[in-house]
Amino acid sequence: MIKLILIFIVALAAIQHVDSIVCQPNTCHFVKCIDVSRENCCGPNKEIRDGFCGCCKICFTYLDEGEQCPPILYGGGPPTSGCKKGLKCKGGICCK
């Protein structure tokens, strides 16, 4: 039984390791960025943030209560939108 538990723990650790994004020192050499500036990322709910491994800037949109929010994609790039502070994404909708 202990052997089975140990195998399960090792398997979970391996899955977590594979699912995580690891930023290497040369990661940014392989990333193509789009131009993000105040001119193309403006508005009351917009903010320029760091993107994948800090290589590029992204235009992030804060979503209001009741708006649809994207699911978190593990192993994918950083999201470009999310619920405003104080709200959580539940069932694909921003709510308190």
PDB file of N, CA and C in Angstrom:
ATOM      1  N   MET A   1       0.825  -1.200   0.000  1.00  0.00           N
ATOM      2  CA  MET A   1       0.000   0.000   0.000  1.00  0.00           C
ATOM      3  C   MET A   1       0.872   1.268   0.000  1.00  0.00           C
ATOM      4  N   ILE A   2       1.938   1.260   0.779  1.00  0.00           N
ATOM      5  CA  ILE A   2       2.832   2.415   0.833  1.00  0.00           C
ATOM      6  C   ILE A   2       3.491   2.629  -0.526  1.00  0.00           C
ATOM      7  N   LYS A   3       3.835   1.545  -1.199  1.00  0.00           N
ATOM      8  CA  LYS A   3       4.448   1.652  -2.525  1.00  0.00           C
ATOM      9  C   LYS A   3       3.481   2.313  -3.510  1.00  0.00           C
ATOM     10  N   LEU A   4       2.216   1.952  -3.431  1.00  0.00           N
ATOM     11  CA  LEU A   4       1.196   2.528  -4.311  1.00  0.00           C
ATOM     12  C   LEU A   4       1.041   4.032  -4.045  1.00  0.00           C
ATOM     13  N   ILE A   5       1.038   4.421  -2.788  1.00  0.00           N
ATOM     14  CA  ILE A   5       0.926   5.834  -2.433  1.00  0.00           C
ATOM     15  C   ILE A   5       2.149   6.600  -2.941  1.00  0.00           C
ATOM     16  N   LEU A   6       3.328   6.019  -2.781  1.00  0.00           N
ATOM     17  CA  LEU A   6       4.553   6.658  -3.257  1.00  0.00           C
ATOM     18  C   LEU A   6       4.528   6.842  -4.778  1.00  0.00           C
ATOM     19  N   ILE A   7       4.072   5.838  -5.503  1.00  0.00           N
ATOM     20  CA  ILE A   7       3.964   5.934  -6.970  1.00  0.00           C
ATOM     21  C   ILE A   7       2.979   7.042  -7.349  1.00  0.00           C
ATOM     22  N   PHE A   8       1.868   7.142  -6.620  1.00  0.00           N
ATOM     23  CA  PHE A   8       0.870   8.175  -6.881  1.00  0.00           C
ATOM     24  C   PHE A   8       1.459   9.569  -6.670  1.00  0.00           C
ATOM     25  N   ILE A   9       2.207   9.759  -5.598  1.00  0.00           N
ATOM     26  CA  ILE A   9       2.816  11.061  -5.302  1.00  0.00           C
ATOM     27  C   ILE A   9       3.839  11.439  -6.373  1.00  0.00           C
ATOM     28  N   VAL A  10       4.655  10.478  -6.793  1.00  0.00           N
ATOM     29  CA  VAL A  10       5.646  10.740  -7.843  1.00  0.00           C
ATOM     30  C   VAL A  10       4.947  11.096  -9.154  1.00  0.00           C
ATOM     31  N   ALA A  11       3.859  10.398  -9.479  1.00  0.00           N
ATOM     32  CA  ALA A  11       3.105  10.688 -10.706  1.00  0.00           C
ATOM     33  C   ALA A  11       2.518  12.098 -10.665  1.00  0.00           C
ATOM     34  N   LEU A  12       1.962  12.510  -9.529  1.00  0.00           N
ATOM     35  CA  LEU A  12       1.412  13.862  -9.411  1.00  0.00           C
ATOM     36  C   LEU A  12       2.499  14.916  -9.581  1.00  0.00           C
ATOM     37  N   ALA A  13       3.658  14.679  -8.995  1.00  0.00           N
ATOM     38  CA  ALA A  13       4.770  15.617  -9.130  1.00  0.00           C
ATOM     39  C   ALA A  13       5.212  15.723 -10.588  1.00  0.00           C
ATOM     40  N   ALA A  14       5.250  14.601 -11.287  1.00  0.00           N
ATOM     41  CA  ALA A  14       5.653  14.604 -12.702  1.00  0.00           C
ATOM     42  C   ALA A  14       4.642  15.365 -13.551  1.00  0.00           C
ATOM     43  N   ILE A  15       3.369  15.176 -13.292  1.00  0.00           N
ATOM     44  CA  ILE A  15       2.323  15.876 -14.044  1.00  0.00           C
ATOM     45  C   ILE A  15       2.436  17.381 -13.808  1.00  0.00           C
ATOM     46  N   GLN A  16       2.630  17.788 -12.573  1.00  0.00           N
ATOM     47  CA  GLN A  16       2.764  19.211 -12.256  1.00  0.00           C
ATOM     48  C   GLN A  16       3.975  19.806 -12.962  1.00  0.00           C
ATOM     49  N   HIS A  17       5.075  19.072 -12.996  1.00  0.00           N
ATOM     50  CA  HIS A  17       6.293  19.568 -13.645  1.00  0.00           C
ATOM     51  C   HIS A  17       6.073  19.763 -15.141  1.00  0.00           C
ATOM     52  N   VAL A  18       5.419  18.836 -15.788  1.00  0.00           N
ATOM     53  CA  VAL A  18       5.172  18.917 -17.230  1.00  0.00           C
ATOM     54  C   VAL A  18       4.212  20.049 -17.551  1.00  0.00           C
ATOM     55  N   ASP A  19       3.264  20.321 -16.660  1.00  0.00           N
ATOM     56  CA  ASP A  19       2.234  21.321 -16.900  1.00  0.00           C
ATOM     57  C   ASP A  19       2.716  22.750 -16.654  1.00  0.00           C
ATOM     58  N   SER A  20       3.836  22.926 -16.012  1.00  0.00           N
ATOM     59  CA  SER A  20       4.290  24.270 -15.669  1.00  0.00           C
ATOM     60  C   SER A  20       5.123  24.888 -16.790  1.00  0.00           C
ATOM     61  N   ILE A  21       5.081  26.203 -16.878  1.00  0.00           N
ATOM     62  CA  ILE A  21       5.885  26.930 -17.850  1.00  0.00           C
ATOM     63  C   ILE A  21       7.225  27.236 -17.204  1.00  0.00           C
ATOM     64  N   VAL A  22       8.276  26.875 -17.876  1.00  0.00           N
ATOM     65  CA  VAL A  22       9.614  27.145 -17.357  1.00  0.00           C
ATOM     66  C   VAL A  22      10.276  28.148 -18.291  1.00  0.00           C
ATOM     67  N   CYS A  23      10.649  29.281 -17.737  1.00  0.00           N
ATOM     68  CA  CYS A  23      11.297  30.322 -18.521  1.00  0.00           C
ATOM     69  C   CYS A  23      12.808  30.171 -18.396  1.00  0.00           C
ATOM     70  N   GLN A  24      13.443  29.865 -19.495  1.00  0.00           N
ATOM     71  CA  GLN A  24      14.891  29.718 -19.549  1.00  0.00           C
ATOM     72  C   GLN A  24      15.510  31.068 -19.914  1.00  0.00           C
ATOM     73  N   PRO A  25      16.810  31.240 -19.658  1.00  0.00           N
ATOM     74  CA  PRO A  25      17.458  32.520 -19.977  1.00  0.00           C
ATOM     75  C   PRO A  25      17.317  32.937 -21.449  1.00  0.00           C
ATOM     76  N   ASN A  26      17.243  31.977 -22.370  1.00  0.00           N
ATOM     77  CA  ASN A  26      17.154  32.325 -23.795  1.00  0.00           C
ATOM     78  C   ASN A  26      15.732  32.212 -24.353  1.00  0.00           C
ATOM     79  N   THR A  27      14.734  32.082 -23.486  1.00  0.00           N
ATOM     80  CA  THR A  27      13.340  31.918 -23.937  1.00  0.00           C
ATOM     81  C   THR A  27      12.899  33.039 -24.859  1.00  0.00           C
ATOM     82  N   CYS A  28      13.250  34.263 -24.538  1.00  0.00           N
ATOM     83  CA  CYS A  28      12.768  35.417 -25.309  1.00  0.00           C
ATOM     84  C   CYS A  28      13.331  35.467 -26.726  1.00  0.00           C
ATOM     85  N   HIS A  29      14.394  34.749 -26.993  1.00  0.00           N
ATOM     86  CA  HIS A  29      14.949  34.711 -28.347  1.00  0.00           C
ATOM     87  C   HIS A  29      13.996  34.021 -29.321  1.00  0.00           C
ATOM     88  N   PHE A  30      13.076  33.197 -28.793  1.00  0.00           N
ATOM     89  CA  PHE A  30      12.185  32.407 -29.636  1.00  0.00           C
ATOM     90  C   PHE A  30      10.749  32.930 -29.641  1.00  0.00           C
ATOM     91  N   VAL A  31      10.502  34.067 -29.007  1.00  0.00           N
ATOM     92  CA  VAL A  31       9.153  34.612 -28.896  1.00  0.00           C
ATOM     93  C   VAL A  31       9.022  35.829 -29.797  1.00  0.00           C
ATOM     94  N   LYS A  32       7.972  35.851 -30.625  1.00  0.00           N
ATOM     95  CA  LYS A  32       7.691  37.006 -31.464  1.00  0.00           C
ATOM     96  C   LYS A  32       6.645  37.858 -30.757  1.00  0.00           C
ATOM     97  N   CYS A  33       6.940  39.116 -30.605  1.00  0.00           N
ATOM     98  CA  CYS A  33       6.044  40.029 -29.898  1.00  0.00           C
ATOM     99  C   CYS A  33       5.280  40.906 -30.882  1.00  0.00           C
ATOM    100  N   ILE A  34       4.064  41.280 -30.482  1.00  0.00           N
ATOM    101  CA  ILE A  34       3.322  42.288 -31.234  1.00  0.00           C
ATOM    102  C   ILE A  34       3.537  43.618 -30.516  1.00  0.00           C
ATOM    103  N   ASP A  35       3.407  44.697 -31.230  1.00  0.00           N
ATOM    104  CA  ASP A  35       3.622  46.017 -30.655  1.00  0.00           C
ATOM    105  C   ASP A  35       2.442  46.385 -29.758  1.00  0.00           C
ATOM    106  N   VAL A  36       2.713  46.627 -28.487  1.00  0.00           N
ATOM    107  CA  VAL A  36       1.685  47.084 -27.553  1.00  0.00           C
ATOM    108  C   VAL A  36       2.134  48.438 -27.019  1.00  0.00           C
ATOM    109  N   SER A  37       1.281  49.431 -27.200  1.00  0.00           N
ATOM    110  CA  SER A  37       1.606  50.779 -26.752  1.00  0.00           C
ATOM    111  C   SER A  37       0.351  51.438 -26.198  1.00  0.00           C
ATOM    112  N   ARG A  38       0.496  52.616 -25.644  1.00  0.00           N
ATOM    113  CA  ARG A  38      -0.650  53.367 -25.123  1.00  0.00           C
ATOM    114  C   ARG A  38      -1.655  53.682 -26.236  1.00  0.00           C
ATOM    115  N   GLU A  39      -1.173  53.793 -27.463  1.00  0.00           N
ATOM    116  CA  GLU A  39      -2.070  54.103 -28.579  1.00  0.00           C
ATOM    117  C   GLU A  39      -3.016  52.939 -28.891  1.00  0.00           C
ATOM    118  N   ASN A  40      -2.535  51.691 -28.806  1.00  0.00           N
ATOM    119  CA  ASN A  40      -3.402  50.558 -29.153  1.00  0.00           C
ATOM    120  C   ASN A  40      -3.888  49.782 -27.927  1.00  0.00           C
ATOM    121  N   CYS A  41      -3.555  50.265 -26.736  1.00  0.00           N
ATOM    122  CA  CYS A  41      -4.040  49.648 -25.497  1.00  0.00           C
ATOM    123  C   CYS A  41      -4.479  50.771 -24.568  1.00  0.00           C
ATOM    124  N   CYS A  42      -5.606  51.376 -24.905  1.00  0.00           N
ATOM    125  CA  CYS A  42      -6.076  52.479 -24.082  1.00  0.00           C
ATOM    126  C   CYS A  42      -7.528  52.243 -23.693  1.00  0.00           C
ATOM    127  N   GLY A  43      -7.918  52.807 -22.605  1.00  0.00           N
ATOM    128  CA  GLY A  43      -9.286  52.667 -22.126  1.00  0.00           C
ATOM    129  C   GLY A  43      -9.295  52.539 -20.623  1.00  0.00           C
ATOM    130  N   PRO A  44     -10.471  52.731 -20.038  1.00  0.00           N
ATOM    131  CA  PRO A  44     -10.555  52.716 -18.581  1.00  0.00           C
ATOM    132  C   PRO A  44     -10.256  51.350 -17.959  1.00  0.00           C
ATOM    133  N   ASN A  45     -10.451  50.275 -18.677  1.00  0.00           N
ATOM    134  CA  ASN A  45     -10.243  48.930 -18.128  1.00  0.00           C
ATOM    135  C   ASN A  45      -9.033  48.233 -18.739  1.00  0.00           C
ATOM    136  N   LYS A  46      -8.098  48.971 -19.292  1.00  0.00           N
ATOM    137  CA  LYS A  46      -6.933  48.389 -19.963  1.00  0.00           C
ATOM    138  C   LYS A  46      -5.651  48.716 -19.210  1.00  0.00           C
ATOM    139  N   GLU A  47      -4.698  47.806 -19.311  1.00  0.00           N
ATOM    140  CA  GLU A  47      -3.397  48.003 -18.674  1.00  0.00           C
ATOM    141  C   GLU A  47      -2.345  47.228 -19.459  1.00  0.00           C
ATOM    142  N   ILE A  48      -1.187  47.822 -19.643  1.00  0.00           N
ATOM    143  CA  ILE A  48      -0.079  47.125 -20.296  1.00  0.00           C
ATOM    144  C   ILE A  48       0.662  46.335 -19.226  1.00  0.00           C
ATOM    145  N   ARG A  49       0.818  45.033 -19.482  1.00  0.00           N
ATOM    146  CA  ARG A  49       1.467  44.119 -18.536  1.00  0.00           C
ATOM    147  C   ARG A  49       2.526  43.298 -19.242  1.00  0.00           C
ATOM    148  N   ASP A  50       3.362  42.638 -18.429  1.00  0.00           N
ATOM    149  CA  ASP A  50       4.318  41.673 -18.985  1.00  0.00           C
ATOM    150  C   ASP A  50       3.565  40.438 -19.438  1.00  0.00           C
ATOM    151  N   GLY A  51       4.013  39.856 -20.548  1.00  0.00           N
ATOM    152  CA  GLY A  51       3.423  38.638 -21.077  1.00  0.00           C
ATOM    153  C   GLY A  51       4.269  37.424 -20.743  1.00  0.00           C
ATOM    154  N   PHE A  52       4.296  36.474 -21.629  1.00  0.00           N
ATOM    155  CA  PHE A  52       4.983  35.199 -21.464  1.00  0.00           C
ATOM    156  C   PHE A  52       6.442  35.402 -21.061  1.00  0.00           C
ATOM    157  N   CYS A  53       6.806  34.957 -19.893  1.00  0.00           N
ATOM    158  CA  CYS A  53       8.169  35.033 -19.348  1.00  0.00           C
ATOM    159  C   CYS A  53       8.733  36.453 -19.334  1.00  0.00           C
ATOM    160  N   GLY A  54       7.874  37.459 -19.448  1.00  0.00           N
ATOM    161  CA  GLY A  54       8.339  38.842 -19.450  1.00  0.00           C
ATOM    162  C   GLY A  54       8.986  39.256 -20.759  1.00  0.00           C
ATOM    163  N   CYS A  55       8.832  38.433 -21.797  1.00  0.00           N
ATOM    164  CA  CYS A  55       9.459  38.732 -23.092  1.00  0.00           C
ATOM    165  C   CYS A  55       8.748  39.864 -23.822  1.00  0.00           C
ATOM    166  N   CYS A  56       7.441  39.889 -23.753  1.00  0.00           N
ATOM    167  CA  CYS A  56       6.637  40.849 -24.501  1.00  0.00           C
ATOM    168  C   CYS A  56       5.653  41.526 -23.561  1.00  0.00           C
ATOM    169  N   LYS A  57       5.129  42.643 -24.006  1.00  0.00           N
ATOM    170  CA  LYS A  57       4.057  43.315 -23.288  1.00  0.00           C
ATOM    171  C   LYS A  57       2.730  42.852 -23.871  1.00  0.00           C
ATOM    172  N   ILE A  58       1.703  42.780 -23.026  1.00  0.00           N
ATOM    173  CA  ILE A  58       0.359  42.446 -23.488  1.00  0.00           C
ATOM    174  C   ILE A  58      -0.594  43.540 -23.029  1.00  0.00           C
ATOM    175  N   CYS A  59      -1.701  43.664 -23.717  1.00  0.00           N
ATOM    176  CA  CYS A  59      -2.754  44.604 -23.343  1.00  0.00           C
ATOM    177  C   CYS A  59      -3.778  43.803 -22.544  1.00  0.00           C
ATOM    178  N   PHE A  60      -3.845  44.042 -21.234  1.00  0.00           N
ATOM    179  CA  PHE A  60      -4.737  43.302 -20.345  1.00  0.00           C
ATOM    180  C   PHE A  60      -6.018  44.090 -20.136  1.00  0.00           C
ATOM    181  N   THR A  61      -7.161  43.416 -20.219  1.00  0.00           N
ATOM    182  CA  THR A  61      -8.467  44.038 -20.028  1.00  0.00           C
ATOM    183  C   THR A  61      -9.096  43.527 -18.733  1.00  0.00           C
ATOM    184  N   TYR A  62      -9.471  44.461 -17.851  1.00  0.00           N
ATOM    185  CA  TYR A  62     -10.171  44.102 -16.618  1.00  0.00           C
ATOM    186  C   TYR A  62     -11.662  44.021 -16.901  1.00  0.00           C
ATOM    187  N   LEU A  63     -12.273  42.929 -16.480  1.00  0.00           N
ATOM    188  CA  LEU A  63     -13.684  42.671 -16.771  1.00  0.00           C
ATOM    189  C   LEU A  63     -14.562  43.037 -15.578  1.00  0.00           C
ATOM    190  N   ASP A  64     -15.736  43.598 -15.870  1.00  0.00           N
ATOM    191  CA  ASP A  64     -16.701  43.983 -14.843  1.00  0.00           C
ATOM    192  C   ASP A  64     -17.550  42.787 -14.409  1.00  0.00           C
ATOM    193  N   GLU A  65     -18.276  42.973 -13.320  1.00  0.00           N
ATOM    194  CA  GLU A  65     -19.181  41.931 -12.828  1.00  0.00           C
ATOM    195  C   GLU A  65     -20.213  41.598 -13.908  1.00  0.00           C
ATOM    196  N   GLY A  66     -20.430  40.317 -14.118  1.00  0.00           N
ATOM    197  CA  GLY A  66     -21.395  39.850 -15.111  1.00  0.00           C
ATOM    198  C   GLY A  66     -20.793  39.586 -16.486  1.00  0.00           C
ATOM    199  N   GLU A  67     -19.569  40.055 -16.712  1.00  0.00           N
ATOM    200  CA  GLU A  67     -18.933  39.806 -18.010  1.00  0.00           C
ATOM    201  C   GLU A  67     -18.330  38.404 -18.050  1.00  0.00           C
ATOM    202  N   GLN A  68     -18.238  37.866 -19.266  1.00  0.00           N
ATOM    203  CA  GLN A  68     -17.643  36.545 -19.443  1.00  0.00           C
ATOM    204  C   GLN A  68     -16.142  36.621 -19.228  1.00  0.00           C
ATOM    205  N   CYS A  69     -15.615  35.652 -18.466  1.00  0.00           N
ATOM    206  CA  CYS A  69     -14.176  35.598 -18.221  1.00  0.00           C
ATOM    207  C   CYS A  69     -13.618  34.312 -18.817  1.00  0.00           C
ATOM    208  N   PRO A  70     -12.386  34.390 -19.318  1.00  0.00           N
ATOM    209  CA  PRO A  70     -11.794  33.214 -19.958  1.00  0.00           C
ATOM    210  C   PRO A  70     -11.342  32.188 -18.920  1.00  0.00           C
ATOM    211  N   PRO A  71     -11.399  30.910 -19.270  1.00  0.00           N
ATOM    212  CA  PRO A  71     -10.882  29.887 -18.356  1.00  0.00           C
ATOM    213  C   PRO A  71      -9.363  29.982 -18.293  1.00  0.00           C
ATOM    214  N   ILE A  72      -8.790  29.563 -17.175  1.00  0.00           N
ATOM    215  CA  ILE A  72      -7.332  29.540 -17.040  1.00  0.00           C
ATOM    216  C   ILE A  72      -6.821  28.312 -17.777  1.00  0.00           C
ATOM    217  N   LEU A  73      -5.919  28.525 -18.705  1.00  0.00           N
ATOM    218  CA  LEU A  73      -5.343  27.432 -19.476  1.00  0.00           C
ATOM    219  C   LEU A  73      -3.968  27.109 -18.912  1.00  0.00           C
ATOM    220  N   TYR A  74      -3.892  26.022 -18.176  1.00  0.00           N
ATOM    221  CA  TYR A  74      -2.616  25.626 -17.592  1.00  0.00           C
ATOM    222  C   TYR A  74      -1.666  25.187 -18.689  1.00  0.00           C
ATOM    223  N   GLY A  75      -0.466  25.721 -18.637  1.00  0.00           N
ATOM    224  CA  GLY A  75       0.520  25.401 -19.652  1.00  0.00           C
ATOM    225  C   GLY A  75       0.449  26.329 -20.850  1.00  0.00           C
ATOM    226  N   GLY A  76      -0.558  27.212 -20.881  1.00  0.00           N
ATOM    227  CA  GLY A  76      -0.697  28.153 -21.974  1.00  0.00           C
ATOM    228  C   GLY A  76      -0.076  29.490 -21.623  1.00  0.00           C
ATOM    229  N   GLY A  77      -0.250  30.431 -22.503  1.00  0.00           N
ATOM    230  CA  GLY A  77       0.293  31.759 -22.268  1.00  0.00           C
ATOM    231  C   GLY A  77      -0.520  32.515 -21.236  1.00  0.00           C
ATOM    232  N   PRO A  78      -0.052  33.684 -20.854  1.00  0.00           N
ATOM    233  CA  PRO A  78      -0.777  34.473 -19.862  1.00  0.00           C
ATOM    234  C   PRO A  78      -2.091  34.992 -20.441  1.00  0.00           C
ATOM    235  N   PRO A  79      -3.112  35.119 -19.608  1.00  0.00           N
ATOM    236  CA  PRO A  79      -4.397  35.618 -20.111  1.00  0.00           C
ATOM    237  C   PRO A  79      -4.298  37.092 -20.486  1.00  0.00           C
ATOM    238  N   THR A  80      -5.137  37.521 -21.411  1.00  0.00           N
ATOM    239  CA  THR A  80      -5.173  38.925 -21.816  1.00  0.00           C
ATOM    240  C   THR A  80      -6.365  39.651 -21.200  1.00  0.00           C
ATOM    241  N   SER A  81      -7.165  38.937 -20.398  1.00  0.00           N
ATOM    242  CA  SER A  81      -8.263  39.569 -19.675  1.00  0.00           C
ATOM    243  C   SER A  81      -8.541  38.779 -18.404  1.00  0.00           C
ATOM    244  N   GLY A  82      -9.186  39.457 -17.460  1.00  0.00           N
ATOM    245  CA  GLY A  82      -9.535  38.825 -16.197  1.00  0.00           C
ATOM    246  C   GLY A  82     -10.458  39.733 -15.414  1.00  0.00           C
ATOM    247  N   CYS A  83     -11.055  39.176 -14.392  1.00  0.00           N
ATOM    248  CA  CYS A  83     -12.011  39.928 -13.579  1.00  0.00           C
ATOM    249  C   CYS A  83     -11.317  41.032 -12.786  1.00  0.00           C
ATOM    250  N   LYS A  84     -12.040  42.143 -12.594  1.00  0.00           N
ATOM    251  CA  LYS A  84     -11.520  43.251 -11.788  1.00  0.00           C
ATOM    252  C   LYS A  84     -11.269  42.793 -10.362  1.00  0.00           C
ATOM    253  N   LYS A  85     -10.470  43.562  -9.641  1.00  0.00           N
ATOM    254  CA  LYS A  85     -10.154  43.267  -8.244  1.00  0.00           C
ATOM    255  C   LYS A  85     -11.452  43.139  -7.440  1.00  0.00           C
ATOM    256  N   GLY A  86     -11.506  42.118  -6.607  1.00  0.00           N
ATOM    257  CA  GLY A  86     -12.695  41.873  -5.791  1.00  0.00           C
ATOM    258  C   GLY A  86     -13.677  40.924  -6.445  1.00  0.00           C
ATOM    259  N   LEU A  87     -13.474  40.602  -7.715  1.00  0.00           N
ATOM    260  CA  LEU A  87     -14.328  39.663  -8.431  1.00  0.00           C
ATOM    261  C   LEU A  87     -13.579  38.372  -8.713  1.00  0.00           C
ATOM    262  N   LYS A  88     -14.323  37.295  -8.895  1.00  0.00           N
ATOM    263  CA  LYS A  88     -13.732  35.995  -9.234  1.00  0.00           C
ATOM    264  C   LYS A  88     -14.443  35.444 -10.458  1.00  0.00           C
ATOM    265  N   CYS A  89     -13.746  34.632 -11.205  1.00  0.00           N
ATOM    266  CA  CYS A  89     -14.331  33.991 -12.382  1.00  0.00           C
ATOM    267  C   CYS A  89     -14.954  32.676 -11.926  1.00  0.00           C
ATOM    268  N   LYS A  90     -16.274  32.626 -11.927  1.00  0.00           N
ATOM    269  CA  LYS A  90     -17.002  31.424 -11.524  1.00  0.00           C
ATOM    270  C   LYS A  90     -17.930  31.026 -12.658  1.00  0.00           C
ATOM    271  N   GLY A  91     -17.728  29.834 -13.169  1.00  0.00           N
ATOM    272  CA  GLY A  91     -18.582  29.359 -14.262  1.00  0.00           C
ATOM    273  C   GLY A  91     -18.481  30.199 -15.511  1.00  0.00           C
ATOM    274  N   GLY A  92     -17.334  30.845 -15.706  1.00  0.00           N
ATOM    275  CA  GLY A  92     -17.116  31.644 -16.904  1.00  0.00           C
ATOM    276  C   GLY A  92     -17.676  33.055 -16.828  1.00  0.00           C
ATOM    277  N   ILE A  93     -18.130  33.488 -15.618  1.00  0.00           N
ATOM    278  CA  ILE A  93     -18.696  34.820 -15.423  1.00  0.00           C
ATOM    279  C   ILE A  93     -18.011  35.486 -14.223  1.00  0.00           C
ATOM    280  N   CYS A  94     -17.661  36.772 -14.358  1.00  0.00           N
ATOM    281  CA  CYS A  94     -17.073  37.510 -13.241  1.00  0.00           C
ATOM    282  C   CYS A  94     -18.157  37.814 -12.223  1.00  0.00           C
ATOM    283  N   CYS A  95     -17.928  37.433 -10.961  1.00  0.00           N
ATOM    284  CA  CYS A  95     -18.906  37.691  -9.909  1.00  0.00           C
ATOM    285  C   CYS A  95     -18.197  37.876  -8.564  1.00  0.00           C
ATOM    286  N   LYS A  96     -18.963  38.376  -7.587  1.00  0.00           N
ATOM    287  CA  LYS A  96     -18.403  38.629  -6.248  1.00  0.00           C
ATOM    288  C   LYS A  96     -18.302  37.347  -5.466  1.00  0.00           C
TER     289      LYS A  96
END
